[in-house]
């Protein structure tokens, strides 16, 4: 577990309130392909296929991707049911979250 996980989840909550978050596999994939995603987070307990698909997609579209937490925590952090994948659509928030991963 990442030391800054709580901070990252609070940033994700902010992104949700601001309407700058795409959640769920379909919406995450759509935002990456449309060039809107600035950062993708995939749950560590997501299926290997899901992780591989997003890793390949994010590499192709040059979007940073991180894995953290579990589906329940990611979903709970954004006030929804479990989510395997999220895309942050705001550059400022994405940069703030990246800093937490790189600490």
PDB file of N, CA and C in Angstrom:
ATOM      1  N   UNK A   1       0.837  -1.204   0.000  1.00  0.00           N
ATOM      2  CA  UNK A   1       0.000   0.000   0.000  1.00  0.00           C
ATOM      3  C   UNK A   1       0.872   1.254   0.000  1.00  0.00           C
ATOM      4  N   UNK A   2       0.496   2.194  -0.812  1.00  0.00           N
ATOM      5  CA  UNK A   2       1.246   3.442  -0.947  1.00  0.00           C
ATOM      6  C   UNK A   2       0.992   4.307   0.282  1.00  0.00           C
ATOM      7  N   UNK A   3       2.055   4.919   0.766  1.00  0.00           N
ATOM      8  CA  UNK A   3       1.956   5.786   1.931  1.00  0.00           C
ATOM      9  C   UNK A   3       0.955   6.918   1.677  1.00  0.00           C
ATOM     10  N   UNK A   4       0.944   7.423   0.462  1.00  0.00           N
ATOM     11  CA  UNK A   4       0.124   8.587   0.132  1.00  0.00           C
ATOM     12  C   UNK A   4      -1.233   8.206  -0.456  1.00  0.00           C
ATOM     13  N   UNK A   5      -1.655   6.974  -0.227  1.00  0.00           N
ATOM     14  CA  UNK A   5      -2.898   6.499  -0.836  1.00  0.00           C
ATOM     15  C   UNK A   5      -4.102   7.357  -0.455  1.00  0.00           C
ATOM     16  N   UNK A   6      -4.179   7.752   0.818  1.00  0.00           N
ATOM     17  CA  UNK A   6      -5.309   8.572   1.272  1.00  0.00           C
ATOM     18  C   UNK A   6      -5.325   9.906   0.532  1.00  0.00           C
ATOM     19  N   UNK A   7      -4.142  10.483   0.335  1.00  0.00           N
ATOM     20  CA  UNK A   7      -4.038  11.760  -0.369  1.00  0.00           C
ATOM     21  C   UNK A   7      -4.485  11.599  -1.828  1.00  0.00           C
ATOM     22  N   UNK A   8      -4.047  10.513  -2.459  1.00  0.00           N
ATOM     23  CA  UNK A   8      -4.424  10.244  -3.851  1.00  0.00           C
ATOM     24  C   UNK A   8      -5.940  10.071  -3.944  1.00  0.00           C
ATOM     25  N   UNK A   9      -6.517   9.312  -3.007  1.00  0.00           N
ATOM     26  CA  UNK A   9      -7.973   9.109  -3.021  1.00  0.00           C
ATOM     27  C   UNK A   9      -8.724  10.425  -2.824  1.00  0.00           C
ATOM     28  N   UNK A  10      -8.158  11.328  -2.011  1.00  0.00           N
ATOM     29  CA  UNK A  10      -8.845  12.617  -1.839  1.00  0.00           C
ATOM     30  C   UNK A  10      -8.750  13.456  -3.116  1.00  0.00           C
ATOM     31  N   UNK A  11      -7.611  13.378  -3.822  1.00  0.00           N
ATOM     32  CA  UNK A  11      -7.502  14.054  -5.124  1.00  0.00           C
ATOM     33  C   UNK A  11      -8.521  13.474  -6.113  1.00  0.00           C
ATOM     34  N   UNK A  12      -8.697  12.154  -6.074  1.00  0.00           N
ATOM     35  CA  UNK A  12      -9.669  11.517  -6.972  1.00  0.00           C
ATOM     36  C   UNK A  12     -11.082  11.975  -6.638  1.00  0.00           C
ATOM     37  N   UNK A  13     -11.357  12.172  -5.348  1.00  0.00           N
ATOM     38  CA  UNK A  13     -12.654  12.689  -4.926  1.00  0.00           C
ATOM     39  C   UNK A  13     -12.881  14.097  -5.458  1.00  0.00           C
ATOM     40  N   UNK A  14     -11.827  14.921  -5.383  1.00  0.00           N
ATOM     41  CA  UNK A  14     -11.904  16.288  -5.937  1.00  0.00           C
ATOM     42  C   UNK A  14     -12.177  16.247  -7.432  1.00  0.00           C
ATOM     43  N   UNK A  15     -11.449  15.367  -8.130  1.00  0.00           N
ATOM     44  CA  UNK A  15     -11.622  15.240  -9.585  1.00  0.00           C
ATOM     45  C   UNK A  15     -13.058  14.841  -9.914  1.00  0.00           C
ATOM     46  N   UNK A  16     -13.620  13.959  -9.101  1.00  0.00           N
ATOM     47  CA  UNK A  16     -15.006  13.523  -9.307  1.00  0.00           C
ATOM     48  C   UNK A  16     -15.966  14.703  -9.174  1.00  0.00           C
ATOM     49  N   UNK A  17     -15.802  15.459  -8.075  1.00  0.00           N
ATOM     50  CA  UNK A  17     -16.678  16.610  -7.834  1.00  0.00           C
ATOM     51  C   UNK A  17     -16.554  17.642  -8.945  1.00  0.00           C
ATOM     52  N   UNK A  18     -15.350  17.782  -9.484  1.00  0.00           N
ATOM     53  CA  UNK A  18     -15.111  18.768 -10.541  1.00  0.00           C
ATOM     54  C   UNK A  18     -15.542  18.247 -11.911  1.00  0.00           C
ATOM     55  N   UNK A  19     -15.974  17.002 -11.963  1.00  0.00           N
ATOM     56  CA  UNK A  19     -16.373  16.412 -13.243  1.00  0.00           C
ATOM     57  C   UNK A  19     -15.182  16.116 -14.137  1.00  0.00           C
ATOM     58  N   UNK A  20     -14.024  15.892 -13.518  1.00  0.00           N
ATOM     59  CA  UNK A  20     -12.792  15.659 -14.280  1.00  0.00           C
ATOM     60  C   UNK A  20     -12.270  14.246 -14.082  1.00  0.00           C
ATOM     61  N   UNK A  21     -13.197  13.302 -13.926  1.00  0.00           N
ATOM     62  CA  UNK A  21     -12.796  11.918 -13.723  1.00  0.00           C
ATOM     63  C   UNK A  21     -13.691  11.004 -14.544  1.00  0.00           C
ATOM     64  N   UNK A  22     -13.069  10.082 -15.261  1.00  0.00           N
ATOM     65  CA  UNK A  22     -13.834   9.050 -15.973  1.00  0.00           C
ATOM     66  C   UNK A  22     -13.592   7.760 -15.207  1.00  0.00           C
ATOM     67  N   UNK A  23     -14.659   7.037 -14.861  1.00  0.00           N
ATOM     68  CA  UNK A  23     -14.457   5.811 -14.103  1.00  0.00           C
ATOM     69  C   UNK A  23     -15.140   4.647 -14.798  1.00  0.00           C
ATOM     70  N   UNK A  24     -14.631   3.467 -14.540  1.00  0.00           N
ATOM     71  CA  UNK A  24     -15.148   2.278 -15.198  1.00  0.00           C
ATOM     72  C   UNK A  24     -14.353   2.024 -16.466  1.00  0.00           C
ATOM     73  N   UNK A  25     -14.296   0.763 -16.846  1.00  0.00           N
ATOM     74  CA  UNK A  25     -13.454   0.365 -17.972  1.00  0.00           C
ATOM     75  C   UNK A  25     -13.802   1.102 -19.266  1.00  0.00           C
ATOM     76  N   UNK A  26     -15.094   1.150 -19.599  1.00  0.00           N
ATOM     77  CA  UNK A  26     -15.515   1.754 -20.863  1.00  0.00           C
ATOM     78  C   UNK A  26     -15.159   3.236 -20.932  1.00  0.00           C
ATOM     79  N   UNK A  27     -15.511   3.978 -19.874  1.00  0.00           N
ATOM     80  CA  UNK A  27     -15.270   5.428 -19.874  1.00  0.00           C
ATOM     81  C   UNK A  27     -13.771   5.752 -19.812  1.00  0.00           C
ATOM     82  N   UNK A  28     -13.018   4.933 -19.076  1.00  0.00           N
ATOM     83  CA  UNK A  28     -11.565   5.143 -18.998  1.00  0.00           C
ATOM     84  C   UNK A  28     -10.949   4.947 -20.376  1.00  0.00           C
ATOM     85  N   UNK A  29     -11.325   3.852 -21.030  1.00  0.00           N
ATOM     86  CA  UNK A  29     -10.802   3.548 -22.367  1.00  0.00           C
ATOM     87  C   UNK A  29     -11.160   4.661 -23.356  1.00  0.00           C
ATOM     88  N   UNK A  30     -12.403   5.112 -23.297  1.00  0.00           N
ATOM     89  CA  UNK A  30     -12.877   6.172 -24.193  1.00  0.00           C
ATOM     90  C   UNK A  30     -12.070   7.456 -23.993  1.00  0.00           C
ATOM     91  N   UNK A  31     -11.839   7.834 -22.741  1.00  0.00           N
ATOM     92  CA  UNK A  31     -11.113   9.084 -22.475  1.00  0.00           C
ATOM     93  C   UNK A  31      -9.650   8.997 -22.913  1.00  0.00           C
ATOM     94  N   UNK A  32      -9.040   7.813 -22.791  1.00  0.00           N
ATOM     95  CA  UNK A  32      -7.651   7.642 -23.259  1.00  0.00           C
ATOM     96  C   UNK A  32      -7.605   7.785 -24.782  1.00  0.00           C
ATOM     97  N   UNK A  33      -8.515   7.099 -25.457  1.00  0.00           N
ATOM     98  CA  UNK A  33      -8.512   7.113 -26.928  1.00  0.00           C
ATOM     99  C   UNK A  33      -8.874   8.475 -27.505  1.00  0.00           C
ATOM    100  N   UNK A  34      -9.656   9.256 -26.763  1.00  0.00           N
ATOM    101  CA  UNK A  34     -10.014  10.604 -27.230  1.00  0.00           C
ATOM    102  C   UNK A  34      -8.960  11.641 -26.851  1.00  0.00           C
ATOM    103  N   UNK A  35      -7.924  11.209 -26.133  1.00  0.00           N
ATOM    104  CA  UNK A  35      -6.851  12.122 -25.748  1.00  0.00           C
ATOM    105  C   UNK A  35      -7.185  13.012 -24.566  1.00  0.00           C
ATOM    106  N   UNK A  36      -8.246  12.672 -23.841  1.00  0.00           N
ATOM    107  CA  UNK A  36      -8.658  13.497 -22.698  1.00  0.00           C
ATOM    108  C   UNK A  36      -7.982  13.074 -21.397  1.00  0.00           C
ATOM    109  N   UNK A  37      -7.598  11.802 -21.297  1.00  0.00           N
ATOM    110  CA  UNK A  37      -7.020  11.277 -20.055  1.00  0.00           C
ATOM    111  C   UNK A  37      -5.597  11.798 -19.870  1.00  0.00           C
ATOM    112  N   UNK A  38      -5.318  12.307 -18.674  1.00  0.00           N
ATOM    113  CA  UNK A  38      -3.971  12.790 -18.343  1.00  0.00           C
ATOM    114  C   UNK A  38      -3.240  11.777 -17.468  1.00  0.00           C
ATOM    115  N   UNK A  39      -4.012  10.860 -16.875  1.00  0.00           N
ATOM    116  CA  UNK A  39      -3.464   9.867 -15.956  1.00  0.00           C
ATOM    117  C   UNK A  39      -4.487   8.754 -15.797  1.00  0.00           C
ATOM    118  N   UNK A  40      -4.016   7.516 -15.765  1.00  0.00           N
ATOM    119  CA  UNK A  40      -4.921   6.381 -15.573  1.00  0.00           C
ATOM    120  C   UNK A  40      -4.475   5.614 -14.328  1.00  0.00           C
ATOM    121  N   UNK A  41      -5.442   5.225 -13.510  1.00  0.00           N
ATOM    122  CA  UNK A  41      -5.165   4.395 -12.335  1.00  0.00           C
ATOM    123  C   UNK A  41      -5.992   3.119 -12.466  1.00  0.00           C
ATOM    124  N   UNK A  42      -5.315   1.979 -12.321  1.00  0.00           N
ATOM    125  CA  UNK A  42      -5.984   0.683 -12.389  1.00  0.00           C
ATOM    126  C   UNK A  42      -5.816  -0.001 -11.031  1.00  0.00           C
ATOM    127  N   UNK A  43      -6.874  -0.618 -10.538  1.00  0.00           N
ATOM    128  CA  UNK A  43      -6.818  -1.315  -9.249  1.00  0.00           C
ATOM    129  C   UNK A  43      -5.868  -2.502  -9.336  1.00  0.00           C
ATOM    130  N   UNK A  44      -5.129  -2.744  -8.255  1.00  0.00           N
ATOM    131  CA  UNK A  44      -4.189  -3.862  -8.240  1.00  0.00           C
ATOM    132  C   UNK A  44      -4.903  -5.208  -8.333  1.00  0.00           C
ATOM    133  N   UNK A  45      -6.157  -5.263  -7.898  1.00  0.00           N
ATOM    134  CA  UNK A  45      -6.882  -6.537  -7.978  1.00  0.00           C
ATOM    135  C   UNK A  45      -7.736  -6.650  -9.248  1.00  0.00           C
ATOM    136  N   UNK A  46      -7.478  -5.754 -10.214  1.00  0.00           N
ATOM    137  CA  UNK A  46      -8.140  -5.883 -11.519  1.00  0.00           C
ATOM    138  C   UNK A  46      -7.552  -7.112 -12.221  1.00  0.00           C
ATOM    139  N   UNK A  47      -8.271  -7.652 -13.185  1.00  0.00           N
ATOM    140  CA  UNK A  47      -7.785  -8.845 -13.876  1.00  0.00           C
ATOM    141  C   UNK A  47      -6.504  -8.524 -14.651  1.00  0.00           C
ATOM    142  N   UNK A  48      -5.702  -9.549 -14.869  1.00  0.00           N
ATOM    143  CA  UNK A  48      -4.451  -9.365 -15.622  1.00  0.00           C
ATOM    144  C   UNK A  48      -4.737  -8.827 -17.016  1.00  0.00           C
ATOM    145  N   UNK A  49      -5.831  -9.303 -17.624  1.00  0.00           N
ATOM    146  CA  UNK A  49      -6.202  -8.816 -18.964  1.00  0.00           C
ATOM    147  C   UNK A  49      -6.481  -7.324 -18.949  1.00  0.00           C
ATOM    148  N   UNK A  50      -7.205  -6.875 -17.927  1.00  0.00           N
ATOM    149  CA  UNK A  50      -7.537  -5.445 -17.807  1.00  0.00           C
ATOM    150  C   UNK A  50      -6.267  -4.630 -17.658  1.00  0.00           C
ATOM    151  N   UNK A  51      -5.367  -5.066 -16.767  1.00  0.00           N
ATOM    152  CA  UNK A  51      -4.116  -4.334 -16.550  1.00  0.00           C
ATOM    153  C   UNK A  51      -3.287  -4.274 -17.832  1.00  0.00           C
ATOM    154  N   UNK A  52      -3.205  -5.434 -18.528  1.00  0.00           N
ATOM    155  CA  UNK A  52      -2.420  -5.497 -19.762  1.00  0.00           C
ATOM    156  C   UNK A  52      -3.023  -4.586 -20.833  1.00  0.00           C
ATOM    157  N   UNK A  53      -4.354  -4.614 -20.957  1.00  0.00           N
ATOM    158  CA  UNK A  53      -5.023  -3.783 -21.962  1.00  0.00           C
ATOM    159  C   UNK A  53      -4.726  -2.300 -21.705  1.00  0.00           C
ATOM    160  N   UNK A  54      -4.885  -1.863 -20.443  1.00  0.00           N
ATOM    161  CA  UNK A  54      -4.643  -0.455 -20.138  1.00  0.00           C
ATOM    162  C   UNK A  54      -3.168  -0.094 -20.256  1.00  0.00           C
ATOM    163  N   UNK A  55      -2.275  -1.008 -19.848  1.00  0.00           N
ATOM    164  CA  UNK A  55      -0.837  -0.746 -19.963  1.00  0.00           C
ATOM    165  C   UNK A  55      -0.481  -0.503 -21.441  1.00  0.00           C
ATOM    166  N   UNK A  56      -0.935  -1.407 -22.323  1.00  0.00           N
ATOM    167  CA  UNK A  56      -0.646  -1.265 -23.757  1.00  0.00           C
ATOM    168  C   UNK A  56      -1.266   0.011 -24.330  1.00  0.00           C
ATOM    169  N   UNK A  57      -2.527   0.278 -23.957  1.00  0.00           N
ATOM    170  CA  UNK A  57      -3.225   1.456 -24.459  1.00  0.00           C
ATOM    171  C   UNK A  57      -2.531   2.735 -23.986  1.00  0.00           C
ATOM    172  N   UNK A  58      -2.175   2.772 -22.715  1.00  0.00           N
ATOM    173  CA  UNK A  58      -1.536   3.971 -22.158  1.00  0.00           C
ATOM    174  C   UNK A  58      -0.149   4.188 -22.759  1.00  0.00           C
ATOM    175  N   UNK A  59       0.576   3.107 -23.012  1.00  0.00           N
ATOM    176  CA  UNK A  59       1.881   3.232 -23.680  1.00  0.00           C
ATOM    177  C   UNK A  59       1.692   3.821 -25.079  1.00  0.00           C
ATOM    178  N   UNK A  60       0.704   3.302 -25.791  1.00  0.00           N
ATOM    179  CA  UNK A  60       0.456   3.744 -27.168  1.00  0.00           C
ATOM    180  C   UNK A  60       0.058   5.212 -27.228  1.00  0.00           C
ATOM    181  N   UNK A  61      -0.803   5.631 -26.292  1.00  0.00           N
ATOM    182  CA  UNK A  61      -1.296   7.015 -26.289  1.00  0.00           C
ATOM    183  C   UNK A  61      -0.477   7.942 -25.382  1.00  0.00           C
ATOM    184  N   UNK A  62       0.617   7.426 -24.839  1.00  0.00           N
ATOM    185  CA  UNK A  62       1.523   8.211 -23.975  1.00  0.00           C
ATOM    186  C   UNK A  62       0.803   8.828 -22.775  1.00  0.00           C
ATOM    187  N   UNK A  63       0.033   7.994 -22.088  1.00  0.00           N
ATOM    188  CA  UNK A  63      -0.658   8.428 -20.879  1.00  0.00           C
ATOM    189  C   UNK A  63      -0.034   7.670 -19.704  1.00  0.00           C
ATOM    190  N   UNK A  64       0.392   8.373 -18.643  1.00  0.00           N
ATOM    191  CA  UNK A  64       0.962   7.656 -17.501  1.00  0.00           C
ATOM    192  C   UNK A  64      -0.088   6.779 -16.820  1.00  0.00           C
ATOM    193  N   UNK A  65       0.328   5.557 -16.460  1.00  0.00           N
ATOM    194  CA  UNK A  65      -0.592   4.635 -15.804  1.00  0.00           C
ATOM    195  C   UNK A  65       0.033   4.115 -14.514  1.00  0.00           C
ATOM    196  N   UNK A  66      -0.777   4.060 -13.465  1.00  0.00           N
ATOM    197  CA  UNK A  66      -0.322   3.534 -12.179  1.00  0.00           C
ATOM    198  C   UNK A  66      -1.316   2.496 -11.687  1.00  0.00           C
ATOM    199  N   UNK A  67      -0.824   1.556 -10.894  1.00  0.00           N
ATOM    200  CA  UNK A  67      -1.739   0.633 -10.223  1.00  0.00           C
ATOM    201  C   UNK A  67      -1.663   0.916  -8.730  1.00  0.00           C
ATOM    202  N   UNK A  68      -2.804   0.851  -8.090  1.00  0.00           N
ATOM    203  CA  UNK A  68      -2.835   1.053  -6.636  1.00  0.00           C
ATOM    204  C   UNK A  68      -4.106   0.492  -6.052  1.00  0.00           C
ATOM    205  N   UNK A  69      -4.064   0.180  -4.789  1.00  0.00           N
ATOM    206  CA  UNK A  69      -5.239  -0.132  -4.002  1.00  0.00           C
ATOM    207  C   UNK A  69      -6.052  -1.296  -4.580  1.00  0.00           C
ATOM    208  N   UNK A  70      -7.296  -1.368  -4.210  1.00  0.00           N
ATOM    209  CA  UNK A  70      -8.186  -2.394  -4.751  1.00  0.00           C
ATOM    210  C   UNK A  70      -9.448  -1.721  -5.291  1.00  0.00           C
ATOM    211  N   UNK A  71     -10.252  -2.494  -5.984  1.00  0.00           N
ATOM    212  CA  UNK A  71     -11.446  -1.938  -6.645  1.00  0.00           C
ATOM    213  C   UNK A  71     -12.383  -1.242  -5.661  1.00  0.00           C
ATOM    214  N   UNK A  72     -12.566  -1.862  -4.486  1.00  0.00           N
ATOM    215  CA  UNK A  72     -13.464  -1.275  -3.484  1.00  0.00           C
ATOM    216  C   UNK A  72     -12.981   0.103  -3.039  1.00  0.00           C
ATOM    217  N   UNK A  73     -11.671   0.216  -2.743  1.00  0.00           N
ATOM    218  CA  UNK A  73     -11.120   1.495  -2.268  1.00  0.00           C
ATOM    219  C   UNK A  73     -11.205   2.564  -3.351  1.00  0.00           C
ATOM    220  N   UNK A  74     -10.891   2.189  -4.585  1.00  0.00           N
ATOM    221  CA  UNK A  74     -10.980   3.167  -5.682  1.00  0.00           C
ATOM    222  C   UNK A  74     -12.419   3.652  -5.837  1.00  0.00           C
ATOM    223  N   UNK A  75     -13.350   2.736  -5.842  1.00  0.00           N
ATOM    224  CA  UNK A  75     -14.762   3.111  -5.965  1.00  0.00           C
ATOM    225  C   UNK A  75     -15.214   3.969  -4.801  1.00  0.00           C
ATOM    226  N   UNK A  76     -14.857   3.545  -3.601  1.00  0.00           N
ATOM    227  CA  UNK A  76     -15.243   4.274  -2.390  1.00  0.00           C
ATOM    228  C   UNK A  76     -14.657   5.692  -2.396  1.00  0.00           C
ATOM    229  N   UNK A  77     -13.419   5.817  -2.878  1.00  0.00           N
ATOM    230  CA  UNK A  77     -12.745   7.116  -2.928  1.00  0.00           C
ATOM    231  C   UNK A  77     -13.452   8.128  -3.811  1.00  0.00           C
ATOM    232  N   UNK A  78     -14.204   7.632  -4.786  1.00  0.00           N
ATOM    233  CA  UNK A  78     -14.923   8.545  -5.673  1.00  0.00           C
ATOM    234  C   UNK A  78     -16.431   8.508  -5.432  1.00  0.00           C
ATOM    235  N   UNK A  79     -16.819   7.866  -4.329  1.00  0.00           N
ATOM    236  CA  UNK A  79     -18.233   7.843  -3.948  1.00  0.00           C
ATOM    237  C   UNK A  79     -19.096   6.952  -4.814  1.00  0.00           C
ATOM    238  N   UNK A  80     -18.500   5.893  -5.347  1.00  0.00           N
ATOM    239  CA  UNK A  80     -19.264   4.964  -6.181  1.00  0.00           C
ATOM    240  C   UNK A  80     -19.001   3.530  -5.712  1.00  0.00           C
ATOM    241  N   UNK A  81     -19.611   2.580  -6.403  1.00  0.00           N
ATOM    242  CA  UNK A  81     -19.305   1.175  -6.109  1.00  0.00           C
ATOM    243  C   UNK A  81     -17.919   0.876  -6.654  1.00  0.00           C
ATOM    244  N   UNK A  82     -17.480  -0.365  -6.515  1.00  0.00           N
ATOM    245  CA  UNK A  82     -16.109  -0.686  -6.914  1.00  0.00           C
ATOM    246  C   UNK A  82     -15.806  -0.309  -8.366  1.00  0.00           C
ATOM    247  N   UNK A  83     -14.585   0.152  -8.574  1.00  0.00           N
ATOM    248  CA  UNK A  83     -14.110   0.547  -9.902  1.00  0.00           C
ATOM    249  C   UNK A  83     -12.734  -0.048 -10.138  1.00  0.00           C
ATOM    250  N   UNK A  84     -12.536  -0.680 -11.309  1.00  0.00           N
ATOM    251  CA  UNK A  84     -11.234  -1.279 -11.627  1.00  0.00           C
ATOM    252  C   UNK A  84     -10.316  -0.258 -12.277  1.00  0.00           C
ATOM    253  N   UNK A  85     -10.899   0.773 -12.909  1.00  0.00           N
ATOM    254  CA  UNK A  85     -10.050   1.752 -13.604  1.00  0.00           C
ATOM    255  C   UNK A  85     -10.650   3.151 -13.545  1.00  0.00           C
ATOM    256  N   UNK A  86      -9.751   4.136 -13.517  1.00  0.00           N
ATOM    257  CA  UNK A  86     -10.134   5.544 -13.471  1.00  0.00           C
ATOM    258  C   UNK A  86      -9.211   6.329 -14.387  1.00  0.00           C
ATOM    259  N   UNK A  87      -9.737   7.390 -14.984  1.00  0.00           N
ATOM    260  CA  UNK A  87      -8.898   8.299 -15.764  1.00  0.00           C
ATOM    261  C   UNK A  87      -9.120   9.716 -15.242  1.00  0.00           C
ATOM    262  N   UNK A  88      -8.017  10.386 -14.917  1.00  0.00           N
ATOM    263  CA  UNK A  88      -8.089  11.788 -14.474  1.00  0.00           C
ATOM    264  C   UNK A  88      -7.985  12.656 -15.723  1.00  0.00           C
ATOM    265  N   UNK A  89      -8.942  13.590 -15.893  1.00  0.00           N
ATOM    266  CA  UNK A  89      -9.024  14.377 -17.123  1.00  0.00           C
ATOM    267  C   UNK A  89      -8.456  15.791 -16.965  1.00  0.00           C
ATOM    268  N   UNK A  90      -7.987  16.118 -15.771  1.00  0.00           N
ATOM    269  CA  UNK A  90      -7.470  17.457 -15.505  1.00  0.00           C
ATOM    270  C   UNK A  90      -5.961  17.383 -15.294  1.00  0.00           C
ATOM    271  N   UNK A  91      -5.209  18.202 -16.041  1.00  0.00           N
ATOM    272  CA  UNK A  91      -3.751  18.133 -15.975  1.00  0.00           C
ATOM    273  C   UNK A  91      -3.215  18.483 -14.586  1.00  0.00           C
ATOM    274  N   UNK A  92      -3.763  19.514 -13.967  1.00  0.00           N
ATOM    275  CA  UNK A  92      -3.304  19.926 -12.643  1.00  0.00           C
ATOM    276  C   UNK A  92      -3.478  18.836 -11.599  1.00  0.00           C
ATOM    277  N   UNK A  93      -4.654  18.221 -11.589  1.00  0.00           N
ATOM    278  CA  UNK A  93      -4.916  17.135 -10.644  1.00  0.00           C
ATOM    279  C   UNK A  93      -4.054  15.918 -10.970  1.00  0.00           C
ATOM    280  N   UNK A  94      -3.891  15.634 -12.256  1.00  0.00           N
ATOM    281  CA  UNK A  94      -3.057  14.494 -12.664  1.00  0.00           C
ATOM    282  C   UNK A  94      -1.618  14.698 -12.187  1.00  0.00           C
ATOM    283  N   UNK A  95      -1.105  15.926 -12.336  1.00  0.00           N
ATOM    284  CA  UNK A  95       0.260  16.225 -11.885  1.00  0.00           C
ATOM    285  C   UNK A  95       0.383  16.065 -10.373  1.00  0.00           C
ATOM    286  N   UNK A  96      -0.630  16.529  -9.638  1.00  0.00           N
ATOM    287  CA  UNK A  96      -0.616  16.412  -8.173  1.00  0.00           C
ATOM    288  C   UNK A  96      -0.616  14.940  -7.755  1.00  0.00           C
ATOM    289  N   UNK A  97      -1.386  14.126  -8.451  1.00  0.00           N
ATOM    290  CA  UNK A  97      -1.449  12.690  -8.136  1.00  0.00           C
ATOM    291  C   UNK A  97      -0.126  12.009  -8.499  1.00  0.00           C
ATOM    292  N   UNK A  98       0.438  12.379  -9.651  1.00  0.00           N
ATOM    293  CA  UNK A  98       1.738  11.808 -10.061  1.00  0.00           C
ATOM    294  C   UNK A  98       2.803  12.064  -9.006  1.00  0.00           C
ATOM    295  N   UNK A  99       2.790  13.270  -8.437  1.00  0.00           N
ATOM    296  CA  UNK A  99       3.754  13.621  -7.387  1.00  0.00           C
ATOM    297  C   UNK A  99       3.634  12.669  -6.207  1.00  0.00           C
ATOM    298  N   UNK A 100       2.398  12.318  -5.850  1.00  0.00           N
ATOM    299  CA  UNK A 100       2.179  11.406  -4.719  1.00  0.00           C
ATOM    300  C   UNK A 100       2.716  10.003  -5.026  1.00  0.00           C
ATOM    301  N   UNK A 101       2.575   9.560  -6.275  1.00  0.00           N
ATOM    302  CA  UNK A 101       3.103   8.247  -6.662  1.00  0.00           C
ATOM    303  C   UNK A 101       4.624   8.247  -6.672  1.00  0.00           C
ATOM    304  N   UNK A 102       5.214   9.372  -7.028  1.00  0.00           N
ATOM    305  CA  UNK A 102       6.662   9.435  -7.173  1.00  0.00           C
ATOM    306  C   UNK A 102       7.400   9.756  -5.873  1.00  0.00           C
ATOM    307  N   UNK A 103       6.647  10.045  -4.808  1.00  0.00           N
ATOM    308  CA  UNK A 103       7.281  10.333  -3.509  1.00  0.00           C
ATOM    309  C   UNK A 103       7.794   9.066  -2.856  1.00  0.00           C
TER     310      UNK A 103
END
